[in-house]
Structures are given as C-alpha cells and as structure tokens.
Amino acid sequence: MKTVLVLEDEALVMKLLLHILKHYTVLKATTAAQALQFFIDRACQIDVLVADITLPTSWGYTWRRVFVKRSPINSLALRRRFLPSHHSTK
C-alpha cells in the first residue's frame, strides 16, 4: 500500500483529503515541522507528498523541493482558494 504524507492546516480540507485517500496509508501533518519530522523518520516509506502551498509559516513549494531532493517522492502541491469577502465563513 502506498503511503501519502498530507501537509494541510485546514481541518475541513484535511478531512476531505483523508476521505479521498482512504485506501492509502496517510501520515497527517498540520504544520511544516510535523511534516519534516515524518520525512526524517520515514522518508523511504513516503510515496507521495500532498502539501498546502499557503501555510502560515512556510510554503508547501519549499517543502516539496526539500522532499524531492532527498527522496524519490512523487509530489502534488495544492493551492488554497480564497473566498471573496462577501462569502465569509465567520
């Protein structure tokens, strides 16, 4: 079974990704630091990286480059869509 590292800080998006990836082993990271720790601990066991490219403290593209340089991970970067101000969820 393939292992997917998901780096996503929004709970609703993470829930959706977990549902979509239910037939895979998923490592959940909500921060870049957690993703990095998974990578350090299990780099050779991670097949795919799914990363939010708009994290508050770092960019998913940066992590994608780091992971791909050090491991044969296939990667996919997601861009978060922002709602117009009149569609506020608050």
N, C-alpha and C. Protein backbone atom coordinates (compact mmCIF):
# COMPACT_ATOMS: atom_id res chain seq x y z
N MET A 1 0.84 -1.18 0.00
CA MET A 1 0.00 0.00 0.00
C MET A 1 0.89 1.25 0.00
N LYS A 2 0.50 2.23 -0.78
CA LYS A 2 1.25 3.49 -0.88
C LYS A 2 1.04 4.33 0.37
N THR A 3 2.07 5.08 0.74
CA THR A 3 1.99 5.98 1.88
C THR A 3 2.01 7.41 1.37
N VAL A 4 1.03 8.21 1.85
CA VAL A 4 0.89 9.60 1.45
C VAL A 4 1.10 10.49 2.67
N LEU A 5 1.99 11.46 2.54
CA LEU A 5 2.18 12.46 3.58
C LEU A 5 1.35 13.67 3.18
N VAL A 6 0.37 14.02 4.03
CA VAL A 6 -0.50 15.16 3.76
C VAL A 6 -0.12 16.29 4.71
N LEU A 7 0.26 17.42 4.13
CA LEU A 7 0.61 18.62 4.89
C LEU A 7 -0.49 19.65 4.63
N GLU A 8 -1.39 19.79 5.59
CA GLU A 8 -2.56 20.67 5.42
C GLU A 8 -2.98 21.20 6.78
N ASP A 9 -3.17 22.51 6.90
CA ASP A 9 -3.50 23.10 8.19
C ASP A 9 -5.00 23.37 8.38
N GLU A 10 -5.79 23.24 7.35
CA GLU A 10 -7.24 23.47 7.50
C GLU A 10 -7.95 22.13 7.74
N ALA A 11 -8.68 22.06 8.84
CA ALA A 11 -9.32 20.80 9.26
C ALA A 11 -10.28 20.25 8.20
N LEU A 12 -11.08 21.12 7.60
CA LEU A 12 -12.06 20.66 6.61
C LEU A 12 -11.37 20.09 5.37
N VAL A 13 -10.32 20.74 4.93
CA VAL A 13 -9.57 20.24 3.76
C VAL A 13 -8.89 18.93 4.11
N MET A 14 -8.32 18.84 5.31
CA MET A 14 -7.69 17.59 5.75
C MET A 14 -8.70 16.46 5.77
N LYS A 15 -9.90 16.73 6.30
CA LYS A 15 -10.95 15.71 6.36
C LYS A 15 -11.30 15.22 4.96
N LEU A 16 -11.43 16.14 4.02
CA LEU A 16 -11.73 15.78 2.64
C LEU A 16 -10.62 14.93 2.04
N LEU A 17 -9.38 15.34 2.25
CA LEU A 17 -8.25 14.57 1.72
C LEU A 17 -8.19 13.17 2.33
N LEU A 18 -8.45 13.06 3.63
CA LEU A 18 -8.44 11.74 4.27
C LEU A 18 -9.52 10.85 3.68
N HIS A 19 -10.66 11.43 3.36
CA HIS A 19 -11.74 10.65 2.73
C HIS A 19 -11.31 10.20 1.33
N ILE A 20 -10.74 11.09 0.57
CA ILE A 20 -10.30 10.77 -0.79
C ILE A 20 -9.20 9.70 -0.77
N LEU A 21 -8.33 9.79 0.22
CA LEU A 21 -7.17 8.90 0.30
C LEU A 21 -7.40 7.71 1.23
N LYS A 22 -8.64 7.34 1.47
CA LYS A 22 -8.95 6.30 2.46
C LYS A 22 -8.35 4.93 2.15
N HIS A 23 -7.95 4.69 0.90
CA HIS A 23 -7.37 3.40 0.55
C HIS A 23 -5.84 3.42 0.61
N TYR A 24 -5.29 4.48 1.17
CA TYR A 24 -3.85 4.62 1.31
C TYR A 24 -3.50 4.77 2.78
N THR A 25 -2.24 4.53 3.10
CA THR A 25 -1.74 4.86 4.42
C THR A 25 -1.43 6.34 4.40
N VAL A 26 -2.06 7.11 5.31
CA VAL A 26 -1.89 8.56 5.31
C VAL A 26 -1.21 9.02 6.58
N LEU A 27 -0.17 9.82 6.42
CA LEU A 27 0.50 10.48 7.53
C LEU A 27 0.00 11.91 7.53
N LYS A 28 -0.63 12.34 8.62
CA LYS A 28 -1.24 13.67 8.70
C LYS A 28 -0.30 14.64 9.40
N ALA A 29 -0.03 15.75 8.72
CA ALA A 29 0.77 16.82 9.32
C ALA A 29 0.02 18.13 9.15
N THR A 30 -0.13 18.87 10.23
CA THR A 30 -0.82 20.16 10.14
C THR A 30 0.17 21.33 10.16
N THR A 31 1.44 21.01 10.39
CA THR A 31 2.48 22.04 10.35
C THR A 31 3.67 21.52 9.55
N ALA A 32 4.46 22.44 9.06
CA ALA A 32 5.66 22.06 8.32
C ALA A 32 6.61 21.28 9.21
N ALA A 33 6.67 21.62 10.49
CA ALA A 33 7.55 20.91 11.42
C ALA A 33 7.14 19.44 11.57
N GLN A 34 5.83 19.19 11.64
CA GLN A 34 5.34 17.81 11.72
C GLN A 34 5.68 17.05 10.44
N ALA A 35 5.49 17.68 9.30
CA ALA A 35 5.81 17.04 8.02
C ALA A 35 7.29 16.71 7.94
N LEU A 36 8.12 17.64 8.38
CA LEU A 36 9.56 17.41 8.36
C LEU A 36 9.93 16.24 9.26
N GLN A 37 9.29 16.13 10.42
CA GLN A 37 9.58 15.01 11.32
C GLN A 37 9.18 13.68 10.69
N PHE A 38 8.02 13.63 10.04
CA PHE A 38 7.63 12.42 9.31
C PHE A 38 8.67 12.08 8.25
N PHE A 39 9.12 13.10 7.54
CA PHE A 39 10.10 12.89 6.49
C PHE A 39 11.41 12.35 7.06
N ILE A 40 11.85 12.90 8.16
CA ILE A 40 13.10 12.44 8.79
C ILE A 40 12.94 10.99 9.26
N ASP A 41 11.79 10.69 9.86
CA ASP A 41 11.56 9.35 10.40
C ASP A 41 11.26 8.29 9.35
N ARG A 42 10.59 8.69 8.24
CA ARG A 42 10.09 7.69 7.29
C ARG A 42 10.29 8.05 5.82
N ALA A 43 11.31 8.78 5.49
CA ALA A 43 11.48 9.27 4.11
C ALA A 43 11.37 8.17 3.06
N CYS A 44 11.99 7.04 3.31
CA CYS A 44 11.95 5.99 2.28
C CYS A 44 10.60 5.29 2.22
N GLN A 45 9.72 5.55 3.17
CA GLN A 45 8.40 4.92 3.16
C GLN A 45 7.32 5.84 2.62
N ILE A 46 7.65 7.09 2.29
CA ILE A 46 6.67 8.05 1.79
C ILE A 46 6.70 8.04 0.27
N ASP A 47 5.56 7.75 -0.33
CA ASP A 47 5.47 7.68 -1.79
C ASP A 47 4.99 8.98 -2.42
N VAL A 48 4.10 9.68 -1.72
CA VAL A 48 3.50 10.89 -2.28
C VAL A 48 3.40 11.96 -1.20
N LEU A 49 3.70 13.20 -1.57
CA LEU A 49 3.51 14.35 -0.69
C LEU A 49 2.37 15.19 -1.26
N VAL A 50 1.37 15.46 -0.43
CA VAL A 50 0.30 16.40 -0.78
C VAL A 50 0.47 17.56 0.18
N ALA A 51 0.79 18.75 -0.37
CA ALA A 51 1.12 19.88 0.50
C ALA A 51 0.30 21.11 0.17
N ASP A 52 -0.17 21.76 1.20
CA ASP A 52 -0.82 23.06 1.08
C ASP A 52 0.29 24.06 0.79
N ILE A 53 0.18 24.83 -0.27
CA ILE A 53 1.28 25.74 -0.61
C ILE A 53 1.14 27.09 0.07
N THR A 54 0.09 27.27 0.87
CA THR A 54 -0.11 28.56 1.53
C THR A 54 -0.16 28.42 3.05
N LEU A 55 0.74 27.65 3.61
CA LEU A 55 0.79 27.51 5.06
C LEU A 55 1.18 28.85 5.70
N PRO A 56 0.70 29.13 6.91
CA PRO A 56 1.00 30.41 7.56
C PRO A 56 2.50 30.64 7.81
N THR A 57 3.24 29.59 8.11
CA THR A 57 4.65 29.78 8.49
C THR A 57 5.64 29.30 7.44
N SER A 58 5.18 28.68 6.39
CA SER A 58 6.10 28.22 5.34
C SER A 58 5.31 27.92 4.08
N TRP A 59 5.99 27.76 3.00
CA TRP A 59 5.34 27.48 1.72
C TRP A 59 5.47 26.01 1.38
N GLY A 60 4.38 25.39 0.95
CA GLY A 60 4.40 23.99 0.55
C GLY A 60 5.39 23.72 -0.58
N TYR A 61 5.55 24.70 -1.49
CA TYR A 61 6.51 24.52 -2.57
C TYR A 61 7.92 24.33 -2.04
N THR A 62 8.27 25.05 -0.98
CA THR A 62 9.59 24.91 -0.37
C THR A 62 9.77 23.49 0.15
N TRP A 63 8.75 22.96 0.84
CA TRP A 63 8.84 21.60 1.38
C TRP A 63 8.89 20.58 0.27
N ARG A 64 8.14 20.83 -0.79
CA ARG A 64 8.17 19.92 -1.95
C ARG A 64 9.60 19.80 -2.48
N ARG A 65 10.27 20.93 -2.64
CA ARG A 65 11.66 20.90 -3.14
C ARG A 65 12.58 20.13 -2.19
N VAL A 66 12.42 20.37 -0.89
CA VAL A 66 13.26 19.68 0.11
C VAL A 66 13.03 18.17 0.02
N PHE A 67 11.77 17.74 0.00
CA PHE A 67 11.46 16.32 -0.03
C PHE A 67 11.95 15.67 -1.31
N VAL A 68 11.70 16.30 -2.44
CA VAL A 68 12.07 15.69 -3.73
C VAL A 68 13.59 15.57 -3.87
N LYS A 69 14.32 16.53 -3.32
CA LYS A 69 15.79 16.47 -3.38
C LYS A 69 16.34 15.27 -2.61
N ARG A 70 15.70 14.94 -1.50
CA ARG A 70 16.24 13.93 -0.60
C ARG A 70 15.57 12.57 -0.68
N SER A 71 14.54 12.45 -1.47
CA SER A 71 13.80 11.19 -1.54
C SER A 71 13.08 11.09 -2.87
N PRO A 72 12.85 9.88 -3.36
CA PRO A 72 12.13 9.73 -4.63
C PRO A 72 10.61 9.86 -4.47
N ILE A 73 10.17 10.92 -3.81
CA ILE A 73 8.74 11.11 -3.56
C ILE A 73 8.10 11.74 -4.79
N ASN A 74 6.96 11.22 -5.17
CA ASN A 74 6.13 11.90 -6.17
C ASN A 74 5.41 12.99 -5.40
N SER A 75 5.18 14.13 -6.01
CA SER A 75 4.57 15.20 -5.22
C SER A 75 3.45 15.90 -5.95
N LEU A 76 2.57 16.48 -5.17
CA LEU A 76 1.46 17.25 -5.66
C LEU A 76 1.29 18.41 -4.71
N ALA A 77 1.26 19.62 -5.21
CA ALA A 77 1.05 20.80 -4.36
C ALA A 77 -0.34 21.34 -4.61
N LEU A 78 -1.03 21.66 -3.56
CA LEU A 78 -2.39 22.21 -3.66
C LEU A 78 -2.37 23.70 -3.37
N ARG A 79 -3.14 24.44 -4.09
CA ARG A 79 -3.29 25.87 -3.82
C ARG A 79 -4.62 26.09 -3.13
N ARG A 80 -4.58 26.79 -2.04
CA ARG A 80 -5.81 27.10 -1.31
C ARG A 80 -6.56 28.18 -2.05
N ARG A 81 -7.87 27.99 -2.20
CA ARG A 81 -8.70 29.01 -2.83
C ARG A 81 -9.23 29.93 -1.74
N PHE A 82 -9.19 31.19 -2.01
CA PHE A 82 -9.71 32.17 -1.05
C PHE A 82 -11.09 32.61 -1.50
N LEU A 83 -12.00 32.68 -0.54
CA LEU A 83 -13.35 33.15 -0.83
C LEU A 83 -13.36 34.66 -0.90
N PRO A 84 -14.18 35.24 -1.78
CA PRO A 84 -14.34 36.70 -1.78
C PRO A 84 -14.87 37.13 -0.42
N SER A 85 -14.64 38.36 -0.04
CA SER A 85 -15.02 38.85 1.29
C SER A 85 -16.52 38.70 1.56
N HIS A 86 -17.37 38.76 0.54
CA HIS A 86 -18.80 38.62 0.78
C HIS A 86 -19.22 37.17 1.01
N HIS A 87 -18.28 36.21 0.90
CA HIS A 87 -18.56 34.81 1.18
C HIS A 87 -17.90 34.38 2.49
N SER A 88 -17.71 35.28 3.38
CA SER A 88 -17.04 34.98 4.63
C SER A 88 -17.71 33.81 5.34
N THR A 89 -16.88 32.94 5.95
CA THR A 89 -17.42 31.77 6.67
C THR A 89 -17.56 32.05 8.16
N LYS A 90 -17.30 33.28 8.59
CA LYS A 90 -17.39 33.62 10.02
C LYS A 90 -18.80 33.90 10.45
